N, C-alpha and C. Protein backbone atom coordinates (compact mmCIF):
# COMPACT_ATOMS: atom_id res chain seq x y z
N MET A 1 0.96 -1.00 -0.11
CA MET A 1 0.25 0.33 0.09
C MET A 1 0.82 1.10 0.05
N ARG A 2 1.92 1.35 0.76
CA ARG A 2 2.63 2.41 0.78
C ARG A 2 3.93 2.57 -0.13
N LYS A 3 3.80 1.78 -1.28
CA LYS A 3 4.47 1.60 -2.32
C LYS A 3 3.40 2.04 -3.23
N LEU A 4 2.29 2.06 -3.62
CA LEU A 4 1.61 2.60 -4.17
C LEU A 4 1.13 4.25 -4.11
N ARG A 5 1.11 4.40 -2.92
CA ARG A 5 0.70 5.78 -1.89
C ARG A 5 1.97 6.88 -2.49
N THR A 6 3.23 6.02 -2.77
CA THR A 6 4.86 7.27 -3.13
C THR A 6 4.15 7.03 -4.56
N PHE A 7 4.11 6.08 -5.07
CA PHE A 7 4.11 6.01 -6.76
C PHE A 7 2.78 7.46 -7.40
N LEU A 8 1.77 7.33 -6.18
CA LEU A 8 0.99 7.81 -7.02
C LEU A 8 1.22 9.34 -5.99
N SER A 9 1.83 9.43 -5.27
CA SER A 9 2.11 10.80 -4.64
C SER A 9 3.04 11.45 -6.24
N HIS A 10 3.88 10.56 -6.31
CA HIS A 10 5.24 11.31 -7.73
C HIS A 10 3.78 11.88 -8.85
N VAL A 11 3.13 10.97 -9.39
CA VAL A 11 2.59 11.12 -10.14
C VAL A 11 1.35 12.39 -10.14
N SER A 12 1.27 12.33 -9.00
CA SER A 12 0.33 13.40 -8.88
C SER A 12 1.42 15.13 -8.65
N VAL A 13 2.64 14.92 -8.61
CA VAL A 13 3.34 16.28 -8.51
C VAL A 13 3.72 16.34 -9.54
N ILE A 14 3.86 15.35 -10.95
CA ILE A 14 4.02 15.39 -12.04
C ILE A 14 3.10 16.33 -12.96
N PHE A 15 2.07 15.47 -12.67
CA PHE A 15 0.73 15.98 -13.19
C PHE A 15 0.52 17.61 -12.62
N ALA A 16 0.36 17.51 -11.67
CA ALA A 16 0.32 18.77 -10.97
C ALA A 16 1.37 20.06 -11.48
N GLY A 17 2.20 19.55 -12.32
CA GLY A 17 3.49 20.52 -12.67
C GLY A 17 3.22 20.65 -14.11
N VAL A 18 2.62 19.86 -14.70
CA VAL A 18 2.19 19.89 -16.51
C VAL A 18 0.97 20.75 -16.02
N PHE A 19 0.16 20.88 -15.15
CA PHE A 19 -0.98 22.00 -15.63
C PHE A 19 -0.72 23.45 -15.12
N ILE A 20 0.53 23.38 -14.28
CA ILE A 20 0.42 24.43 -13.85
C ILE A 20 1.40 25.16 -15.52
N THR A 21 1.99 24.54 -16.28
CA THR A 21 2.47 24.53 -17.20
C THR A 21 1.87 25.15 -18.03
N LEU A 22 1.03 23.93 -18.38
CA LEU A 22 -0.22 24.45 -19.15
C LEU A 22 -0.85 25.57 -19.27
N ALA A 23 -1.53 26.24 -17.90
CA ALA A 23 -2.23 26.93 -17.07
C ALA A 23 -0.84 28.36 -17.71
N ILE A 24 0.16 28.75 -17.64
CA ILE A 24 0.91 29.62 -17.86
C ILE A 24 1.27 29.97 -19.10
N LEU A 25 1.67 28.86 -20.34
CA LEU A 25 1.26 29.07 -21.73
C LEU A 25 -0.09 29.46 -22.38
N HIS A 26 -0.81 29.15 -21.34
CA HIS A 26 -2.23 29.08 -21.69
C HIS A 26 -2.88 30.58 -21.77
N ARG A 27 -1.94 31.43 -20.50
CA ARG A 27 -2.20 32.57 -19.83
C ARG A 27 -1.73 33.51 -21.31
N TYR A 28 -0.46 33.30 -21.42
CA TYR A 28 0.40 34.09 -22.50
C TYR A 28 -0.19 33.81 -23.62
N ASN A 29 -0.63 32.97 -24.04
CA ASN A 29 -1.08 32.16 -25.41
C ASN A 29 -2.38 31.60 -25.96
N PRO A 30 -3.38 32.03 -25.30
CA PRO A 30 -4.78 31.90 -25.54
C PRO A 30 -5.11 30.68 -26.87
N ASN A 31 -4.07 30.98 -27.48
CA ASN A 31 -4.66 31.10 -29.44
C ASN A 31 -3.96 29.60 -29.45
N MET A 32 -3.07 29.44 -28.71
CA MET A 32 -2.79 27.78 -29.04
C MET A 32 -3.80 26.86 -28.41
N GLY A 33 -4.22 27.57 -27.39
CA GLY A 33 -5.22 26.18 -26.78
C GLY A 33 -5.31 25.08 -26.22
N PHE A 34 -4.18 25.04 -25.47
CA PHE A 34 -3.21 24.23 -24.64
C PHE A 34 -4.05 23.72 -23.34
N LEU A 35 -5.08 24.41 -23.01
CA LEU A 35 -6.26 23.46 -22.37
C LEU A 35 -7.29 23.17 -22.32
N THR A 36 -7.88 23.12 -24.26
CA THR A 36 -8.61 22.67 -24.70
C THR A 36 -8.38 21.83 -26.11
N SER A 37 -7.46 21.52 -25.80
CA SER A 37 -7.33 20.14 -26.71
C SER A 37 -7.17 18.78 -25.72
N GLY A 38 -7.75 17.91 -26.72
CA GLY A 38 -7.74 16.55 -26.93
C GLY A 38 -6.92 16.07 -25.32
N ILE A 39 -5.11 16.15 -25.63
CA ILE A 39 -4.68 15.89 -25.04
C ILE A 39 -4.63 16.19 -23.55
N SER A 40 -5.08 17.66 -23.49
CA SER A 40 -5.19 18.11 -22.33
C SER A 40 -6.13 17.40 -21.59
N THR A 41 -7.22 17.25 -22.08
CA THR A 41 -8.15 16.18 -21.04
C THR A 41 -7.82 15.39 -20.82
N VAL A 42 -7.04 14.20 -21.24
CA VAL A 42 -6.60 13.19 -20.87
C VAL A 42 -5.71 13.55 -20.25
N TYR A 43 -5.41 14.24 -19.86
CA TYR A 43 -4.28 14.59 -18.54
C TYR A 43 -5.11 15.06 -17.55
N ILE A 44 -5.99 15.81 -17.97
CA ILE A 44 -6.98 16.35 -16.34
C ILE A 44 -7.52 15.03 -15.86
N ILE A 45 -8.10 14.01 -16.72
CA ILE A 45 -8.70 12.90 -16.14
C ILE A 45 -8.09 11.95 -15.51
N LEU A 46 -6.51 11.67 -16.14
CA LEU A 46 -5.11 10.89 -15.33
C LEU A 46 -5.26 11.52 -13.84
N PHE A 47 -4.89 12.77 -14.42
CA PHE A 47 -4.57 13.89 -12.67
C PHE A 47 -5.72 13.65 -11.54
N CYS A 48 -6.84 13.81 -12.38
CA CYS A 48 -8.17 13.74 -11.26
C CYS A 48 -8.06 12.25 -10.72
N LEU A 49 -7.96 10.92 -11.27
CA LEU A 49 -7.82 9.74 -10.97
C LEU A 49 -6.50 9.26 -10.10
N THR A 50 -5.47 10.03 -10.60
CA THR A 50 -4.69 9.33 -9.71
C THR A 50 -4.49 10.41 -8.28
N VAL A 51 -5.13 11.39 -8.12
CA VAL A 51 -5.29 12.26 -7.14
C VAL A 51 -6.30 11.64 -6.33
N ALA A 52 -7.21 10.99 -7.02
CA ALA A 52 -8.60 10.32 -6.17
C ALA A 52 -8.22 8.84 -5.03
N VAL A 53 -7.36 8.19 -6.25
CA VAL A 53 -6.64 7.49 -5.88
C VAL A 53 -5.81 7.48 -4.67
N LEU A 54 -4.95 8.49 -4.78
CA LEU A 54 -4.22 8.71 -3.76
C LEU A 54 -4.62 9.37 -2.26
N ALA A 55 -5.76 9.70 -2.46
CA ALA A 55 -6.77 10.30 -1.76
C ALA A 55 -7.03 9.18 -0.32
N ILE A 56 -7.45 7.98 -1.34
CA ILE A 56 -8.26 6.84 -1.22
C ILE A 56 -7.39 5.98 -0.39
N THR A 57 -5.86 5.67 -1.08
CA THR A 57 -4.90 4.83 -0.10
C THR A 57 -4.97 5.87 1.19
N THR A 58 -4.44 7.01 1.17
CA THR A 58 -3.80 7.86 1.94
C THR A 58 -5.18 7.75 3.45
N ILE A 59 -6.41 7.43 3.18
CA ILE A 59 -7.59 7.70 4.02
C ILE A 59 -7.11 6.46 4.17
N ALA A 60 -7.01 5.25 4.03
CA ALA A 60 -7.08 3.69 4.12
C ALA A 60 -6.04 3.48 5.28
N ASP A 61 -4.51 4.64 5.06
CA ASP A 61 -3.70 3.56 5.55
C ASP A 61 -3.51 4.51 6.61
N ASN A 62 -3.92 6.07 7.18
CA ASN A 62 -4.31 6.64 8.20
C ASN A 62 -5.21 5.79 9.23
N ARG A 63 -6.53 5.16 8.38
CA ARG A 63 -7.27 4.22 9.30
C ARG A 63 -6.53 2.87 10.05
N HIS A 64 -5.69 2.97 8.89
CA HIS A 64 -5.15 1.67 9.22
C HIS A 64 -3.95 1.37 10.79
N TYR A 65 -3.00 2.84 10.58
CA TYR A 65 -2.37 3.30 11.65
C TYR A 65 -3.54 3.90 12.67
N ALA A 66 -4.27 4.23 12.55
CA ALA A 66 -4.92 4.80 14.03
C ALA A 66 -5.76 3.44 14.61
N ARG A 67 -6.12 2.41 13.93
CA ARG A 67 -6.03 1.12 14.57
C ARG A 67 -5.05 0.45 15.20
N HIS A 68 -4.17 0.06 14.33
CA HIS A 68 -3.32 -0.27 14.98
C HIS A 68 -2.64 0.58 16.49
N MET A 69 -2.69 1.43 16.40
CA MET A 69 -2.30 2.63 17.61
C MET A 69 -3.42 2.20 18.69
N ARG A 70 -4.48 2.17 18.34
CA ARG A 70 -5.49 1.75 19.37
C ARG A 70 -5.32 0.88 19.98
N GLN A 71 -5.04 -0.33 19.23
CA GLN A 71 -4.83 -1.89 19.77
C GLN A 71 -3.78 -1.70 20.71
N ARG A 72 -2.80 -0.90 20.19
CA ARG A 72 -1.22 -0.99 20.89
C ARG A 72 -1.71 -0.53 22.44
N ALA A 73 -2.39 0.74 22.32
CA ALA A 73 -2.63 1.36 23.39
C ALA A 73 -3.59 0.49 24.47
N GLU A 74 -4.28 0.09 23.97
CA GLU A 74 -5.59 -1.15 24.42
C GLU A 74 -4.50 -2.50 25.57
N GLU A 75 -3.31 -2.53 24.31
CA GLU A 75 -2.61 -4.08 24.90
C GLU A 75 -1.79 -3.36 26.51
N ALA A 76 -1.43 -1.61 25.75
CA ALA A 76 -0.24 -1.39 26.87
C ALA A 76 -1.12 -1.05 28.25
N ALA A 77 -2.56 -0.53 28.37
CA ALA A 77 -3.08 -0.78 29.36
C ALA A 77 -3.57 -2.11 30.27
N ARG A 78 -3.94 -2.64 29.48
CA ARG A 78 -4.14 -4.26 29.81
C ARG A 78 -2.56 -4.60 30.41
N TRP A 79 -1.62 -4.73 30.00
CA TRP A 79 -0.67 -4.71 30.78
C TRP A 79 -0.04 -4.45 31.81
N LYS A 80 -0.47 -3.25 31.90
CA LYS A 80 -0.25 -2.39 33.04
C LYS A 80 -1.21 -2.90 33.69
N LYS A 81 -2.58 -3.03 33.56
CA LYS A 81 -3.85 -3.36 34.81
C LYS A 81 -2.77 -4.46 35.07
N ILE A 82 -2.20 -5.78 34.49
CA ILE A 82 -1.74 -6.50 35.13
C ILE A 82 -1.14 -6.54 35.94
N ASN A 83 -0.30 -5.84 35.52
CA ASN A 83 1.30 -5.68 36.72
C ASN A 83 0.59 -5.13 37.80
N ALA A 84 0.11 -4.19 37.92
CA ALA A 84 -0.70 -2.91 39.31
C ALA A 84 -1.39 -4.35 39.74
N ALA A 85 -1.90 -5.45 39.36
CA ALA A 85 -2.67 -6.09 39.90
C ALA A 85 -1.55 -7.28 40.56
N SER A 86 -0.70 -7.61 40.20
CA SER A 86 -0.05 -8.69 40.46
C SER A 86 1.49 -8.13 41.67
N GLN A 87 1.27 -6.80 41.61
CA GLN A 87 2.47 -6.30 42.80
C GLN A 87 1.73 -6.27 44.25
N ARG A 88 2.23 -6.89 45.18
CA ARG A 88 1.67 -7.17 46.68
C ARG A 88 1.99 -5.54 47.10
N PRO A 89 0.72 -4.79 47.77
CA PRO A 89 1.20 -3.76 48.26
C PRO A 89 1.98 -3.57 49.61
N VAL A 90 2.78 -2.43 49.81
CA VAL A 90 3.61 -2.52 50.90
C VAL A 90 3.36 -2.42 52.38
N ARG A 91 3.59 -3.39 52.96
CA ARG A 91 3.27 -3.00 54.75
C ARG A 91 3.97 -2.21 55.38
N ARG A 92 3.29 -1.92 56.14
CA ARG A 92 3.85 -0.44 57.14
C ARG A 92 3.73 -0.93 58.53
N ASP A 93 4.78 -1.56 59.08
CA ASP A 93 4.62 -1.52 60.67
C ASP A 93 4.80 0.16 61.34
N ASP A 94 3.49 0.20 62.02
CA ASP A 94 3.74 0.78 62.99
C ASP A 94 4.05 0.71 64.18
N ASN A 95 5.15 1.08 65.27
CA ASN A 95 5.49 0.78 66.29
C ASN A 95 6.01 2.14 67.05
């Protein structure tokens, strides 16, 4: 899951750079139609898909990590309770 997320992160950054470049070129030369061509539509769709999959995998990974940490905290609390119950109280003799 982490390799997929890393790959999608890199692809998303690349697509974002492409769209920033196309937006700048379109701003200076709108007659070229950089953002109205068929290939730019394909890039936009690919960008949206990679970002959506990246978001889904990130959410899934965050939930998995949160569940793992919650289980570790519960286990630590259980061990703490077991250790506290197994210790004998200290007796004080009042003389």
